[in-house]
Amino acid sequence: MPTEQSGVPIVCEECGTEARVPLDELAERLEKHNETRHDGAEHARVDPTVADRLADLVAEDMGLLEDDA
Protein backbone atom coordinates (compact mmCIF):
# COMPACT_ATOMS: atom_id res chain seq x y z
CA MET A 1 0.00 0.00 0.00
CA PRO A 2 1.49 3.40 -1.00
CA THR A 3 2.47 5.78 1.74
CA GLU A 4 3.04 9.50 1.71
CA GLN A 5 6.78 8.77 1.54
CA SER A 6 6.52 6.51 -1.52
CA GLY A 7 7.31 7.81 -4.96
CA VAL A 8 10.24 9.45 -6.65
CA PRO A 9 11.45 12.66 -5.01
CA ILE A 10 11.51 15.66 -7.34
CA VAL A 11 12.89 19.11 -6.57
CA CYS A 12 12.66 22.52 -8.16
CA GLU A 13 15.27 24.87 -6.78
CA GLU A 14 13.90 27.69 -8.95
CA CYS A 15 10.61 27.86 -7.05
CA GLY A 16 11.70 26.03 -3.89
CA THR A 17 9.35 23.07 -4.17
CA GLU A 18 9.82 19.41 -3.35
CA ALA A 19 7.38 16.56 -3.96
CA ARG A 20 7.16 12.81 -4.37
CA VAL A 21 5.39 11.41 -7.39
CA PRO A 22 4.61 7.88 -8.54
CA LEU A 23 7.19 6.54 -10.99
CA ASP A 24 4.57 6.07 -13.70
CA GLU A 25 3.68 9.80 -13.49
CA LEU A 26 7.24 11.12 -13.21
CA ALA A 27 7.92 12.30 -16.76
CA GLU A 28 4.48 13.84 -17.17
CA ARG A 29 4.61 15.70 -13.84
CA LEU A 30 8.10 17.07 -14.45
CA GLU A 31 7.14 18.25 -17.94
CA LYS A 32 3.90 19.81 -16.71
CA HIS A 33 5.63 21.69 -13.87
CA ASN A 34 8.37 22.99 -16.13
CA GLU A 35 5.93 24.00 -18.87
CA THR A 36 3.46 25.77 -16.61
CA ARG A 37 5.88 27.42 -14.19
CA HIS A 38 9.09 27.91 -16.12
CA ASP A 39 8.09 28.27 -19.80
CA GLY A 40 9.56 24.85 -20.55
CA ALA A 41 12.95 25.43 -18.91
CA GLU A 42 13.96 22.24 -17.09
CA HIS A 43 14.22 23.45 -13.50
CA ALA A 44 12.21 20.67 -11.81
CA ARG A 45 14.03 17.34 -11.82
CA VAL A 46 14.52 14.11 -9.96
CA ASP A 47 16.37 14.72 -6.70
CA PRO A 48 20.05 14.70 -7.75
CA THR A 49 21.07 12.27 -5.00
CA VAL A 50 18.46 9.76 -6.15
CA ALA A 51 19.34 10.27 -9.82
CA ASP A 52 23.05 9.67 -9.12
CA ARG A 53 22.32 6.52 -7.12
CA LEU A 54 20.03 5.21 -9.84
CA ALA A 55 22.70 5.85 -12.48
CA ASP A 56 25.21 3.92 -10.35
CA LEU A 57 22.83 0.98 -9.99
CA VAL A 58 22.15 0.87 -13.74
CA ALA A 59 25.87 1.07 -14.56
CA GLU A 60 26.59 -1.70 -12.07
CA ASP A 61 23.81 -3.86 -13.48
CA MET A 62 25.19 -3.36 -16.99
CA GLY A 63 28.68 -4.33 -15.83
CA LEU A 64 30.12 -0.91 -16.62
CA LEU A 65 31.78 -0.57 -13.21
CA GLU A 66 33.66 -3.86 -13.29
CA ASP A 67 37.45 -3.77 -13.47
CA ASP A 68 39.07 -5.63 -16.35
CA ALA A 69 42.10 -6.49 -14.20
PDB file of N, CA and C in Angstrom:
ATOM      1  N   MET A   1       0.846  -1.169   0.000  1.00  0.00           N
ATOM      2  CA  MET A   1       0.000   0.000   0.000  1.00  0.00           C
ATOM      3  C   MET A   1       0.898   1.242   0.000  1.00  0.00           C
ATOM      4  N   PRO A   2       0.662   2.206  -0.932  1.00  0.00           N
ATOM      5  CA  PRO A   2       1.487   3.399  -1.003  1.00  0.00           C
ATOM      6  C   PRO A   2       1.362   4.245   0.256  1.00  0.00           C
ATOM      7  N   THR A   3       2.467   4.855   0.613  1.00  0.00           N
ATOM      8  CA  THR A   3       2.465   5.775   1.742  1.00  0.00           C
ATOM      9  C   THR A   3       2.810   7.159   1.232  1.00  0.00           C
ATOM     10  N   GLU A   4       2.714   8.135   2.105  1.00  0.00           N
ATOM     11  CA  GLU A   4       3.039   9.496   1.714  1.00  0.00           C
ATOM     12  C   GLU A   4       4.508   9.615   1.318  1.00  0.00           C
ATOM     13  N   GLN A   5       5.361   8.738   1.846  1.00  0.00           N
ATOM     14  CA  GLN A   5       6.784   8.775   1.538  1.00  0.00           C
ATOM     15  C   GLN A   5       7.143   7.966   0.291  1.00  0.00           C
ATOM     16  N   SER A   6       6.188   7.273  -0.326  1.00  0.00           N
ATOM     17  CA  SER A   6       6.519   6.509  -1.520  1.00  0.00           C
ATOM     18  C   SER A   6       6.543   7.435  -2.726  1.00  0.00           C
ATOM     19  N   GLY A   7       7.208   7.007  -3.752  1.00  0.00           N
ATOM     20  CA  GLY A   7       7.310   7.812  -4.959  1.00  0.00           C
ATOM     21  C   GLY A   7       8.717   8.327  -5.148  1.00  0.00           C
ATOM     22  N   VAL A   8       8.933   8.915  -6.297  1.00  0.00           N
ATOM     23  CA  VAL A   8      10.239   9.455  -6.655  1.00  0.00           C
ATOM     24  C   VAL A   8      10.304  10.908  -6.199  1.00  0.00           C
ATOM     25  N   PRO A   9      11.351  11.275  -5.459  1.00  0.00           N
ATOM     26  CA  PRO A   9      11.451  12.662  -5.015  1.00  0.00           C
ATOM     27  C   PRO A   9      11.880  13.572  -6.165  1.00  0.00           C
ATOM     28  N   ILE A  10      11.142  14.655  -6.347  1.00  0.00           N
ATOM     29  CA  ILE A  10      11.515  15.661  -7.335  1.00  0.00           C
ATOM     30  C   ILE A  10      11.713  16.989  -6.621  1.00  0.00           C
ATOM     31  N   VAL A  11      12.592  17.807  -7.155  1.00  0.00           N
ATOM     32  CA  VAL A  11      12.887  19.110  -6.573  1.00  0.00           C
ATOM     33  C   VAL A  11      12.902  20.165  -7.666  1.00  0.00           C
ATOM     34  N   CYS A  12      12.542  21.370  -7.271  1.00  0.00           N
ATOM     35  CA  CYS A  12      12.659  22.522  -8.159  1.00  0.00           C
ATOM     36  C   CYS A  12      13.280  23.641  -7.338  1.00  0.00           C
ATOM     37  N   GLU A  13      14.571  23.836  -7.524  1.00  0.00           N
ATOM     38  CA  GLU A  13      15.268  24.869  -6.778  1.00  0.00           C
ATOM     39  C   GLU A  13      14.816  26.262  -7.202  1.00  0.00           C
ATOM     40  N   GLU A  14      14.349  26.387  -8.427  1.00  0.00           N
ATOM     41  CA  GLU A  14      13.903  27.687  -8.947  1.00  0.00           C
ATOM     42  C   GLU A  14      12.725  28.241  -8.154  1.00  0.00           C
ATOM     43  N   CYS A  15      11.771  27.376  -7.811  1.00  0.00           N
ATOM     44  CA  CYS A  15      10.612  27.862  -7.051  1.00  0.00           C
ATOM     45  C   CYS A  15      10.548  27.263  -5.645  1.00  0.00           C
ATOM     46  N   GLY A  16      11.587  26.527  -5.259  1.00  0.00           N
ATOM     47  CA  GLY A  16      11.698  26.026  -3.894  1.00  0.00           C
ATOM     48  C   GLY A  16      10.713  24.945  -3.516  1.00  0.00           C
ATOM     49  N   THR A  17      10.310  24.121  -4.469  1.00  0.00           N
ATOM     50  CA  THR A  17       9.348  23.070  -4.167  1.00  0.00           C
ATOM     51  C   THR A  17       9.998  21.697  -4.181  1.00  0.00           C
ATOM     52  N   GLU A  18       9.424  20.811  -3.391  1.00  0.00           N
ATOM     53  CA  GLU A  18       9.817  19.407  -3.348  1.00  0.00           C
ATOM     54  C   GLU A  18       8.540  18.584  -3.310  1.00  0.00           C
ATOM     55  N   ALA A  19       8.553  17.437  -3.957  1.00  0.00           N
ATOM     56  CA  ALA A  19       7.380  16.557  -3.957  1.00  0.00           C
ATOM     57  C   ALA A  19       7.840  15.137  -4.229  1.00  0.00           C
ATOM     58  N   ARG A  20       6.947  14.211  -3.993  1.00  0.00           N
ATOM     59  CA  ARG A  20       7.165  12.808  -4.365  1.00  0.00           C
ATOM     60  C   ARG A  20       6.038  12.430  -5.304  1.00  0.00           C
ATOM     61  N   VAL A  21       6.392  11.808  -6.410  1.00  0.00           N
ATOM     62  CA  VAL A  21       5.389  11.413  -7.393  1.00  0.00           C
ATOM     63  C   VAL A  21       5.578   9.944  -7.753  1.00  0.00           C
ATOM     64  N   PRO A  22       4.496   9.274  -8.102  1.00  0.00           N
ATOM     65  CA  PRO A  22       4.608   7.878  -8.535  1.00  0.00           C
ATOM     66  C   PRO A  22       5.496   7.781  -9.781  1.00  0.00           C
ATOM     67  N   LEU A  23       6.273   6.727  -9.876  1.00  0.00           N
ATOM     68  CA  LEU A  23       7.189   6.541 -10.989  1.00  0.00           C
ATOM     69  C   LEU A  23       6.474   6.632 -12.337  1.00  0.00           C
ATOM     70  N   ASP A  24       5.275   6.058 -12.418  1.00  0.00           N
ATOM     71  CA  ASP A  24       4.571   6.069 -13.699  1.00  0.00           C
ATOM     72  C   ASP A  24       4.046   7.452 -14.089  1.00  0.00           C
ATOM     73  N   GLU A  25       4.114   8.431 -13.190  1.00  0.00           N
ATOM     74  CA  GLU A  25       3.685   9.799 -13.494  1.00  0.00           C
ATOM     75  C   GLU A  25       4.867  10.764 -13.582  1.00  0.00           C
ATOM     76  N   LEU A  26       6.071  10.273 -13.358  1.00  0.00           N
ATOM     77  CA  LEU A  26       7.244  11.124 -13.214  1.00  0.00           C
ATOM     78  C   LEU A  26       7.477  12.047 -14.406  1.00  0.00           C
ATOM     79  N   ALA A  27       7.614  11.489 -15.582  1.00  0.00           N
ATOM     80  CA  ALA A  27       7.925  12.304 -16.761  1.00  0.00           C
ATOM     81  C   ALA A  27       6.840  13.346 -17.016  1.00  0.00           C
ATOM     82  N   GLU A  28       5.596  12.931 -16.913  1.00  0.00           N
ATOM     83  CA  GLU A  28       4.478  13.841 -17.168  1.00  0.00           C
ATOM     84  C   GLU A  28       4.449  14.991 -16.153  1.00  0.00           C
ATOM     85  N   ARG A  29       4.652  14.660 -14.883  1.00  0.00           N
ATOM     86  CA  ARG A  29       4.605  15.698 -13.840  1.00  0.00           C
ATOM     87  C   ARG A  29       5.760  16.679 -13.960  1.00  0.00           C
ATOM     88  N   LEU A  30       6.960  16.178 -14.259  1.00  0.00           N
ATOM     89  CA  LEU A  30       8.100  17.074 -14.454  1.00  0.00           C
ATOM     90  C   LEU A  30       7.853  18.008 -15.642  1.00  0.00           C
ATOM     91  N   GLU A  31       7.406  17.443 -16.746  1.00  0.00           N
ATOM     92  CA  GLU A  31       7.141  18.246 -17.939  1.00  0.00           C
ATOM     93  C   GLU A  31       6.067  19.291 -17.669  1.00  0.00           C
ATOM     94  N   LYS A  32       4.992  18.878 -16.994  1.00  0.00           N
ATOM     95  CA  LYS A  32       3.903  19.811 -16.709  1.00  0.00           C
ATOM     96  C   LYS A  32       4.377  20.953 -15.813  1.00  0.00           C
ATOM     97  N   HIS A  33       5.127  20.640 -14.771  1.00  0.00           N
ATOM     98  CA  HIS A  33       5.630  21.685 -13.873  1.00  0.00           C
ATOM     99  C   HIS A  33       6.511  22.662 -14.647  1.00  0.00           C
ATOM    100  N   ASN A  34       7.449  22.132 -15.401  1.00  0.00           N
ATOM    101  CA  ASN A  34       8.369  22.993 -16.129  1.00  0.00           C
ATOM    102  C   ASN A  34       7.667  23.829 -17.197  1.00  0.00           C
ATOM    103  N   GLU A  35       6.673  23.256 -17.851  1.00  0.00           N
ATOM    104  CA  GLU A  35       5.926  23.999 -18.866  1.00  0.00           C
ATOM    105  C   GLU A  35       5.091  25.120 -18.246  1.00  0.00           C
ATOM    106  N   THR A  36       4.378  24.791 -17.174  1.00  0.00           N
ATOM    107  CA  THR A  36       3.457  25.773 -16.609  1.00  0.00           C
ATOM    108  C   THR A  36       4.134  26.820 -15.737  1.00  0.00           C
ATOM    109  N   ARG A  37       5.239  26.477 -15.111  1.00  0.00           N
ATOM    110  CA  ARG A  37       5.881  27.415 -14.185  1.00  0.00           C
ATOM    111  C   ARG A  37       7.154  28.055 -14.715  1.00  0.00           C
ATOM    112  N   HIS A  38       7.777  27.422 -15.687  1.00  0.00           N
ATOM    113  CA  HIS A  38       9.086  27.912 -16.125  1.00  0.00           C
ATOM    114  C   HIS A  38       9.214  27.996 -17.643  1.00  0.00           C
ATOM    115  N   ASP A  39       8.100  28.141 -18.341  1.00  0.00           N
ATOM    116  CA  ASP A  39       8.087  28.273 -19.803  1.00  0.00           C
ATOM    117  C   ASP A  39       8.896  27.189 -20.500  1.00  0.00           C
ATOM    118  N   GLY A  40       8.887  25.991 -19.929  1.00  0.00           N
ATOM    119  CA  GLY A  40       9.555  24.853 -20.550  1.00  0.00           C
ATOM    120  C   GLY A  40      10.996  24.640 -20.109  1.00  0.00           C
ATOM    121  N   ALA A  41      11.578  25.615 -19.400  1.00  0.00           N
ATOM    122  CA  ALA A  41      12.948  25.433 -18.910  1.00  0.00           C
ATOM    123  C   ALA A  41      12.948  24.304 -17.876  1.00  0.00           C
ATOM    124  N   GLU A  42      13.933  23.428 -17.939  1.00  0.00           N
ATOM    125  CA  GLU A  42      13.964  22.239 -17.093  1.00  0.00           C
ATOM    126  C   GLU A  42      14.558  22.530 -15.722  1.00  0.00           C
ATOM    127  N   HIS A  43      13.777  23.162 -14.862  1.00  0.00           N
ATOM    128  CA  HIS A  43      14.217  23.450 -13.500  1.00  0.00           C
ATOM    129  C   HIS A  43      13.848  22.314 -12.546  1.00  0.00           C
ATOM    130  N   ALA A  44      12.626  21.794 -12.656  1.00  0.00           N
ATOM    131  CA  ALA A  44      12.207  20.671 -11.810  1.00  0.00           C
ATOM    132  C   ALA A  44      12.860  19.405 -12.347  1.00  0.00           C
ATOM    133  N   ARG A  45      13.356  18.570 -11.417  1.00  0.00           N
ATOM    134  CA  ARG A  45      14.027  17.344 -11.824  1.00  0.00           C
ATOM    135  C   ARG A  45      14.013  16.349 -10.675  1.00  0.00           C
ATOM    136  N   VAL A  46      14.388  15.131 -10.988  1.00  0.00           N
ATOM    137  CA  VAL A  46      14.518  14.107  -9.956  1.00  0.00           C
ATOM    138  C   VAL A  46      15.606  14.574  -8.991  1.00  0.00           C
ATOM    139  N   ASP A  47      15.375  14.358  -7.712  1.00  0.00           N
ATOM    140  CA  ASP A  47      16.368  14.723  -6.698  1.00  0.00           C
ATOM    141  C   ASP A  47      17.732  14.214  -7.150  1.00  0.00           C
ATOM    142  N   PRO A  48      18.742  15.094  -7.227  1.00  0.00           N
ATOM    143  CA  PRO A  48      20.049  14.702  -7.754  1.00  0.00           C
ATOM    144  C   PRO A  48      20.692  13.520  -7.031  1.00  0.00           C
ATOM    145  N   THR A  49      20.497  13.397  -5.741  1.00  0.00           N
ATOM    146  CA  THR A  49      21.068  12.272  -5.000  1.00  0.00           C
ATOM    147  C   THR A  49      20.459  10.961  -5.471  1.00  0.00           C
ATOM    148  N   VAL A  50      19.155  10.957  -5.674  1.00  0.00           N
ATOM    149  CA  VAL A  50      18.463   9.762  -6.148  1.00  0.00           C
ATOM    150  C   VAL A  50      18.879   9.456  -7.589  1.00  0.00           C
ATOM    151  N   ALA A  51      18.955  10.475  -8.420  1.00  0.00           N
ATOM    152  CA  ALA A  51      19.342  10.272  -9.817  1.00  0.00           C
ATOM    153  C   ALA A  51      20.748   9.692  -9.916  1.00  0.00           C
ATOM    154  N   ASP A  52      21.686  10.199  -9.104  1.00  0.00           N
ATOM    155  CA  ASP A  52      23.049   9.674  -9.119  1.00  0.00           C
ATOM    156  C   ASP A  52      23.093   8.219  -8.674  1.00  0.00           C
ATOM    157  N   ARG A  53      22.345   7.901  -7.631  1.00  0.00           N
ATOM    158  CA  ARG A  53      22.323   6.522  -7.119  1.00  0.00           C
ATOM    159  C   ARG A  53      21.718   5.573  -8.160  1.00  0.00           C
ATOM    160  N   LEU A  54      20.660   6.021  -8.803  1.00  0.00           N
ATOM    161  CA  LEU A  54      20.028   5.213  -9.838  1.00  0.00           C
ATOM    162  C   LEU A  54      20.992   4.971 -11.000  1.00  0.00           C
ATOM    163  N   ALA A  55      21.716   6.000 -11.404  1.00  0.00           N
ATOM    164  CA  ALA A  55      22.700   5.848 -12.480  1.00  0.00           C
ATOM    165  C   ALA A  55      23.777   4.837 -12.085  1.00  0.00           C
ATOM    166  N   ASP A  56      24.223   4.888 -10.826  1.00  0.00           N
ATOM    167  CA  ASP A  56      25.213   3.918 -10.348  1.00  0.00           C
ATOM    168  C   ASP A  56      24.672   2.496 -10.398  1.00  0.00           C
ATOM    169  N   LEU A  57      23.425   2.311  -9.978  1.00  0.00           N
ATOM    170  CA  LEU A  57      22.826   0.975  -9.994  1.00  0.00           C
ATOM    171  C   LEU A  57      22.686   0.440 -11.409  1.00  0.00           C
ATOM    172  N   VAL A  58      22.292   1.295 -12.342  1.00  0.00           N
ATOM    173  CA  VAL A  58      22.147   0.872 -13.740  1.00  0.00           C
ATOM    174  C   VAL A  58      23.517   0.503 -14.318  1.00  0.00           C
ATOM    175  N   ALA A  59      24.520   1.349 -14.060  1.00  0.00           N
ATOM    176  CA  ALA A  59      25.871   1.072 -14.563  1.00  0.00           C
ATOM    177  C   ALA A  59      26.406  -0.243 -13.979  1.00  0.00           C
ATOM    178  N   GLU A  60      26.156  -0.461 -12.699  1.00  0.00           N
ATOM    179  CA  GLU A  60      26.593  -1.700 -12.066  1.00  0.00           C
ATOM    180  C   GLU A  60      25.894  -2.904 -12.688  1.00  0.00           C
ATOM    181  N   ASP A  61      24.586  -2.778 -12.887  1.00  0.00           N
ATOM    182  CA  ASP A  61      23.808  -3.860 -13.481  1.00  0.00           C
ATOM    183  C   ASP A  61      24.283  -4.194 -14.895  1.00  0.00           C
ATOM    184  N   MET A  62      24.707  -3.171 -15.622  1.00  0.00           N
ATOM    185  CA  MET A  62      25.185  -3.355 -16.994  1.00  0.00           C
ATOM    186  C   MET A  62      26.640  -3.814 -17.044  1.00  0.00           C
ATOM    187  N   GLY A  63      27.287  -3.899 -15.879  1.00  0.00           N
ATOM    188  CA  GLY A  63      28.675  -4.332 -15.831  1.00  0.00           C
ATOM    189  C   GLY A  63      29.667  -3.253 -16.211  1.00  0.00           C
ATOM    190  N   LEU A  64      29.236  -2.009 -16.210  1.00  0.00           N
ATOM    191  CA  LEU A  64      30.115  -0.915 -16.622  1.00  0.00           C
ATOM    192  C   LEU A  64      31.111  -0.504 -15.528  1.00  0.00           C
ATOM    193  N   LEU A  65      30.895  -0.949 -14.317  1.00  0.00           N
ATOM    194  CA  LEU A  65      31.779  -0.568 -13.209  1.00  0.00           C
ATOM    195  C   LEU A  65      32.779  -1.656 -12.852  1.00  0.00           C
ATOM    196  N   GLU A  66      32.751  -2.757 -13.579  1.00  0.00           N
ATOM    197  CA  GLU A  66      33.657  -3.862 -13.288  1.00  0.00           C
ATOM    198  C   GLU A  66      35.049  -3.562 -13.826  1.00  0.00           C
ATOM    199  N   ASP A  67      36.056  -3.934 -13.031  1.00  0.00           N
ATOM    200  CA  ASP A  67      37.452  -3.774 -13.465  1.00  0.00           C
ATOM    201  C   ASP A  67      37.808  -4.919 -14.402  1.00  0.00           C
ATOM    202  N   ASP A  68      38.607  -4.602 -15.401  1.00  0.00           N
ATOM    203  CA  ASP A  68      39.066  -5.630 -16.348  1.00  0.00           C
ATOM    204  C   ASP A  68      40.347  -6.306 -15.881  1.00  0.00           C
ATOM    205  N   ALA A  69      40.835  -5.946 -14.704  1.00  0.00           N
ATOM    206  CA  ALA A  69      42.104  -6.493 -14.204  1.00  0.00           C
ATOM    207  C   ALA A  69      41.981  -7.909 -13.737  1.00  0.00           C
TER     208      ALA A  69
END
